Amino acid sequence: MKEKIRRLNSCLFLVTIIVYISGCIGQQNQSANDSNDTTIVKVHTNNSIDQTVANQAKEKIIKEEEVSAVKAVNTDKELLMAIKVDQFHRFQLKKLKRM
């Protein structure tokens, strides 16, 4: 009886080791494949773009009591803004988006 328990323990230990090793190998292969698929494109411009529109928009938005931080940037055609709202005021996001 003791011999059967020892064999069972040995088999379980072996299976656990095999599963552990095969799991680690799969993650290494996956991360190696992911790094090969990425392409990096360098974006650069020599012309500086006037950011006064973004700065004016930031000044108007930061005056609202619900807003705790604002980041803004603009191009010739677009204005992009990231607005951080206080935790309590997040319940009223629909109302804030209409502003």
N, C-alpha and C. Protein backbone atom coordinates (compact mmCIF):
# COMPACT_ATOMS: atom_id res chain seq x y z
N MET A 1 0.81 -1.18 0.00
CA MET A 1 0.00 0.00 0.00
C MET A 1 0.87 1.26 0.00
N LYS A 2 1.92 1.25 0.83
CA LYS A 2 2.82 2.40 0.89
C LYS A 2 3.54 2.60 -0.44
N GLU A 3 3.83 1.51 -1.11
CA GLU A 3 4.53 1.59 -2.39
C GLU A 3 3.64 2.23 -3.45
N LYS A 4 2.35 1.94 -3.43
CA LYS A 4 1.41 2.55 -4.39
C LYS A 4 1.31 4.06 -4.15
N ILE A 5 1.31 4.44 -2.90
CA ILE A 5 1.22 5.87 -2.57
C ILE A 5 2.48 6.58 -3.04
N ARG A 6 3.64 5.95 -2.85
CA ARG A 6 4.90 6.55 -3.32
C ARG A 6 4.91 6.69 -4.83
N ARG A 7 4.43 5.67 -5.56
CA ARG A 7 4.36 5.75 -7.01
C ARG A 7 3.41 6.87 -7.45
N LEU A 8 2.28 6.95 -6.78
CA LEU A 8 1.30 7.98 -7.11
C LEU A 8 1.90 9.38 -6.86
N ASN A 9 2.58 9.56 -5.74
CA ASN A 9 3.23 10.84 -5.45
C ASN A 9 4.30 11.16 -6.48
N SER A 10 5.07 10.16 -6.87
CA SER A 10 6.11 10.37 -7.88
C SER A 10 5.50 10.76 -9.22
N CYS A 11 4.43 10.10 -9.61
CA CYS A 11 3.76 10.41 -10.88
C CYS A 11 3.17 11.81 -10.85
N LEU A 12 2.55 12.17 -9.77
CA LEU A 12 1.97 13.52 -9.64
C LEU A 12 3.06 14.60 -9.69
N PHE A 13 4.17 14.32 -9.05
CA PHE A 13 5.28 15.27 -9.07
C PHE A 13 5.81 15.44 -10.48
N LEU A 14 5.98 14.33 -11.19
CA LEU A 14 6.47 14.37 -12.58
C LEU A 14 5.50 15.14 -13.48
N VAL A 15 4.23 14.87 -13.34
CA VAL A 15 3.23 15.56 -14.17
C VAL A 15 3.24 17.06 -13.87
N THR A 16 3.36 17.42 -12.62
CA THR A 16 3.41 18.83 -12.24
C THR A 16 4.61 19.53 -12.85
N ILE A 17 5.75 18.90 -12.80
CA ILE A 17 6.98 19.47 -13.39
C ILE A 17 6.82 19.62 -14.89
N ILE A 18 6.28 18.63 -15.57
CA ILE A 18 6.10 18.69 -17.03
C ILE A 18 5.15 19.82 -17.40
N VAL A 19 4.05 19.95 -16.69
CA VAL A 19 3.09 21.03 -16.97
C VAL A 19 3.73 22.38 -16.74
N TYR A 20 4.48 22.51 -15.68
CA TYR A 20 5.14 23.78 -15.37
C TYR A 20 6.14 24.16 -16.46
N ILE A 21 6.94 23.23 -16.88
CA ILE A 21 7.95 23.50 -17.91
C ILE A 21 7.30 23.82 -19.25
N SER A 22 6.27 23.09 -19.61
CA SER A 22 5.62 23.36 -20.90
C SER A 22 4.90 24.71 -20.88
N GLY A 23 4.38 25.13 -19.75
CA GLY A 23 3.75 26.45 -19.65
C GLY A 23 4.75 27.58 -19.82
N CYS A 24 5.92 27.43 -19.25
CA CYS A 24 6.95 28.47 -19.36
C CYS A 24 7.48 28.57 -20.78
N ILE A 25 7.62 27.47 -21.46
CA ILE A 25 8.13 27.48 -22.83
C ILE A 25 7.13 28.16 -23.75
N GLY A 26 5.86 27.96 -23.56
CA GLY A 26 4.83 28.59 -24.39
C GLY A 26 4.85 30.10 -24.27
N GLN A 27 5.07 30.63 -23.07
CA GLN A 27 5.12 32.08 -22.87
C GLN A 27 6.34 32.69 -23.53
N GLN A 28 7.46 32.00 -23.51
CA GLN A 28 8.66 32.52 -24.14
C GLN A 28 8.48 32.61 -25.64
N ASN A 29 7.88 31.61 -26.25
CA ASN A 29 7.66 31.62 -27.68
C ASN A 29 6.67 32.72 -28.06
N GLN A 30 5.65 32.92 -27.27
CA GLN A 30 4.65 33.93 -27.56
C GLN A 30 5.27 35.33 -27.50
N SER A 31 6.08 35.61 -26.50
CA SER A 31 6.69 36.93 -26.39
C SER A 31 7.69 37.16 -27.51
N ALA A 32 8.37 36.13 -27.97
CA ALA A 32 9.29 36.28 -29.09
C ALA A 32 8.55 36.59 -30.37
N ASN A 33 7.39 35.98 -30.58
CA ASN A 33 6.60 36.26 -31.78
C ASN A 33 6.00 37.65 -31.75
N ASP A 34 5.59 38.13 -30.60
CA ASP A 34 4.99 39.45 -30.48
C ASP A 34 5.99 40.55 -30.83
N SER A 35 7.23 40.39 -30.44
CA SER A 35 8.21 41.44 -30.69
C SER A 35 8.57 41.53 -32.17
N ASN A 36 8.40 40.48 -32.93
CA ASN A 36 8.70 40.51 -34.35
C ASN A 36 7.63 41.22 -35.16
N ASP A 37 6.41 41.30 -34.65
CA ASP A 37 5.30 41.89 -35.40
C ASP A 37 5.25 43.41 -35.29
N THR A 38 5.97 44.00 -34.37
CA THR A 38 5.88 45.44 -34.19
C THR A 38 6.76 46.16 -35.19
N THR A 39 6.22 47.25 -35.70
CA THR A 39 6.99 48.11 -36.59
C THR A 39 7.01 49.50 -36.00
N ILE A 40 8.15 50.10 -35.98
CA ILE A 40 8.31 51.42 -35.40
C ILE A 40 8.50 52.42 -36.53
N VAL A 41 7.70 53.47 -36.49
CA VAL A 41 7.79 54.51 -37.50
C VAL A 41 8.13 55.80 -36.80
N LYS A 42 9.17 56.46 -37.22
CA LYS A 42 9.57 57.72 -36.61
C LYS A 42 8.80 58.85 -37.29
N VAL A 43 8.10 59.62 -36.49
CA VAL A 43 7.33 60.74 -36.99
C VAL A 43 8.02 62.01 -36.53
N HIS A 44 8.31 62.89 -37.46
CA HIS A 44 9.04 64.10 -37.11
C HIS A 44 8.65 65.22 -38.05
N THR A 45 8.58 66.41 -37.51
CA THR A 45 8.33 67.58 -38.34
C THR A 45 9.30 68.69 -37.96
N ASN A 46 9.73 69.43 -38.93
CA ASN A 46 10.63 70.55 -38.67
C ASN A 46 9.85 71.82 -38.32
N ASN A 47 8.60 71.89 -38.72
CA ASN A 47 7.78 73.07 -38.47
C ASN A 47 7.13 72.97 -37.10
N SER A 48 7.26 74.02 -36.31
CA SER A 48 6.56 74.03 -35.03
C SER A 48 5.15 74.56 -35.24
N ILE A 49 4.21 74.00 -34.50
CA ILE A 49 2.81 74.37 -34.63
C ILE A 49 2.43 75.23 -33.44
N ASP A 50 1.77 76.34 -33.71
CA ASP A 50 1.35 77.26 -32.66
C ASP A 50 0.31 76.60 -31.77
N GLN A 51 0.57 76.56 -30.47
CA GLN A 51 -0.31 75.88 -29.52
C GLN A 51 -1.19 76.85 -28.74
N THR A 52 -1.39 78.05 -29.22
CA THR A 52 -2.22 79.01 -28.49
C THR A 52 -3.67 78.55 -28.42
N VAL A 53 -4.17 77.90 -29.45
CA VAL A 53 -5.55 77.39 -29.42
C VAL A 53 -5.69 76.36 -28.30
N ALA A 54 -4.74 75.46 -28.17
CA ALA A 54 -4.78 74.44 -27.12
C ALA A 54 -4.67 75.09 -25.75
N ASN A 55 -3.81 76.08 -25.61
CA ASN A 55 -3.66 76.75 -24.32
C ASN A 55 -4.92 77.51 -23.92
N GLN A 56 -5.57 78.16 -24.88
CA GLN A 56 -6.82 78.87 -24.58
C GLN A 56 -7.91 77.89 -24.15
N ALA A 57 -8.00 76.75 -24.82
CA ALA A 57 -9.01 75.75 -24.47
C ALA A 57 -8.73 75.19 -23.07
N LYS A 58 -7.47 74.96 -22.75
CA LYS A 58 -7.11 74.46 -21.42
C LYS A 58 -7.52 75.45 -20.33
N GLU A 59 -7.29 76.73 -20.58
CA GLU A 59 -7.64 77.76 -19.59
C GLU A 59 -9.15 77.79 -19.35
N LYS A 60 -9.95 77.62 -20.39
CA LYS A 60 -11.40 77.65 -20.23
C LYS A 60 -11.90 76.41 -19.47
N ILE A 61 -11.36 75.25 -19.79
CA ILE A 61 -11.83 73.99 -19.19
C ILE A 61 -11.39 73.88 -17.73
N ILE A 62 -10.18 74.31 -17.41
CA ILE A 62 -9.68 74.13 -16.05
C ILE A 62 -10.44 75.00 -15.05
N LYS A 63 -11.17 76.00 -15.51
CA LYS A 63 -11.97 76.85 -14.61
C LYS A 63 -13.17 76.10 -14.03
N GLU A 64 -13.60 75.03 -14.67
CA GLU A 64 -14.73 74.25 -14.17
C GLU A 64 -14.31 73.54 -12.88
N GLU A 65 -15.19 73.52 -11.90
CA GLU A 65 -14.85 72.92 -10.61
C GLU A 65 -14.72 71.40 -10.67
N GLU A 66 -15.37 70.77 -11.64
CA GLU A 66 -15.33 69.31 -11.74
C GLU A 66 -14.00 68.79 -12.28
N VAL A 67 -13.25 69.65 -12.96
CA VAL A 67 -12.04 69.25 -13.67
C VAL A 67 -10.83 69.44 -12.77
N SER A 68 -9.98 68.40 -12.70
CA SER A 68 -8.78 68.51 -11.88
C SER A 68 -7.51 68.67 -12.71
N ALA A 69 -7.50 68.22 -13.98
CA ALA A 69 -6.32 68.36 -14.83
C ALA A 69 -6.73 68.35 -16.29
N VAL A 70 -5.96 69.05 -17.12
CA VAL A 70 -6.26 69.11 -18.55
C VAL A 70 -4.94 69.05 -19.31
N LYS A 71 -4.93 68.28 -20.38
CA LYS A 71 -3.83 68.26 -21.34
C LYS A 71 -4.44 68.52 -22.71
N ALA A 72 -3.79 69.35 -23.51
CA ALA A 72 -4.33 69.66 -24.83
C ALA A 72 -3.20 69.88 -25.82
N VAL A 73 -3.47 69.54 -27.06
CA VAL A 73 -2.52 69.75 -28.16
C VAL A 73 -3.34 69.97 -29.42
N ASN A 74 -2.80 70.77 -30.33
CA ASN A 74 -3.53 71.01 -31.56
C ASN A 74 -2.62 70.93 -32.77
N THR A 75 -3.24 70.63 -33.91
CA THR A 75 -2.58 70.70 -35.20
C THR A 75 -3.29 71.80 -35.98
N ASP A 76 -3.04 71.86 -37.27
CA ASP A 76 -3.72 72.86 -38.08
C ASP A 76 -5.22 72.62 -38.15
N LYS A 77 -5.63 71.35 -38.06
CA LYS A 77 -7.04 71.00 -38.27
C LYS A 77 -7.73 70.42 -37.04
N GLU A 78 -6.99 69.94 -36.06
CA GLU A 78 -7.61 69.23 -34.94
C GLU A 78 -7.11 69.77 -33.60
N LEU A 79 -7.99 69.63 -32.60
CA LEU A 79 -7.65 69.94 -31.22
C LEU A 79 -7.95 68.69 -30.40
N LEU A 80 -6.96 68.15 -29.73
CA LEU A 80 -7.12 66.96 -28.89
C LEU A 80 -6.95 67.35 -27.44
N MET A 81 -7.90 66.89 -26.60
CA MET A 81 -7.85 67.23 -25.18
C MET A 81 -8.05 65.98 -24.33
N ALA A 82 -7.34 65.95 -23.21
CA ALA A 82 -7.53 64.90 -22.21
C ALA A 82 -7.90 65.62 -20.92
N ILE A 83 -9.06 65.28 -20.40
CA ILE A 83 -9.58 65.96 -19.22
C ILE A 83 -9.72 64.96 -18.09
N LYS A 84 -9.14 65.29 -16.94
CA LYS A 84 -9.25 64.44 -15.75
C LYS A 84 -10.30 65.04 -14.84
N VAL A 85 -11.31 64.23 -14.54
CA VAL A 85 -12.44 64.68 -13.72
C VAL A 85 -12.27 64.13 -12.31
N ASP A 86 -12.65 64.94 -11.31
CA ASP A 86 -12.60 64.48 -9.92
C ASP A 86 -13.45 63.23 -9.74
N GLN A 87 -13.10 62.42 -8.78
CA GLN A 87 -13.74 61.12 -8.58
C GLN A 87 -15.26 61.25 -8.38
N PHE A 88 -15.70 62.17 -7.56
CA PHE A 88 -17.12 62.30 -7.28
C PHE A 88 -17.91 62.74 -8.52
N HIS A 89 -17.31 63.59 -9.35
CA HIS A 89 -18.00 64.13 -10.52
C HIS A 89 -18.03 63.16 -11.70
N ARG A 90 -17.39 62.03 -11.57
CA ARG A 90 -17.40 61.04 -12.66
C ARG A 90 -18.80 60.48 -12.89
N PHE A 91 -19.68 60.58 -11.88
CA PHE A 91 -21.05 60.12 -12.04
C PHE A 91 -21.83 61.01 -13.01
N GLN A 92 -21.34 62.20 -13.24
CA GLN A 92 -22.03 63.16 -14.10
C GLN A 92 -21.30 63.38 -15.42
N LEU A 93 -20.63 62.37 -15.95
CA LEU A 93 -19.83 62.52 -17.15
C LEU A 93 -20.67 62.92 -18.37
N LYS A 94 -21.89 62.39 -18.50
CA LYS A 94 -22.72 62.75 -19.65
C LYS A 94 -23.00 64.25 -19.66
N LYS A 95 -23.29 64.79 -18.49
CA LYS A 95 -23.56 66.21 -18.38
C LYS A 95 -22.29 67.01 -18.71
N LEU A 96 -21.16 66.55 -18.23
CA LEU A 96 -19.90 67.25 -18.47
C LEU A 96 -19.48 67.22 -19.92
N LYS A 97 -19.77 66.13 -20.63
CA LYS A 97 -19.40 66.02 -22.04
C LYS A 97 -20.14 67.02 -22.91
N ARG A 98 -21.33 67.42 -22.49
CA ARG A 98 -22.12 68.38 -23.28
C ARG A 98 -21.61 69.80 -23.14
N MET A 99 -20.77 70.07 -22.18
CA MET A 99 -20.29 71.43 -21.93
C MET A 99 -19.50 71.97 -23.08
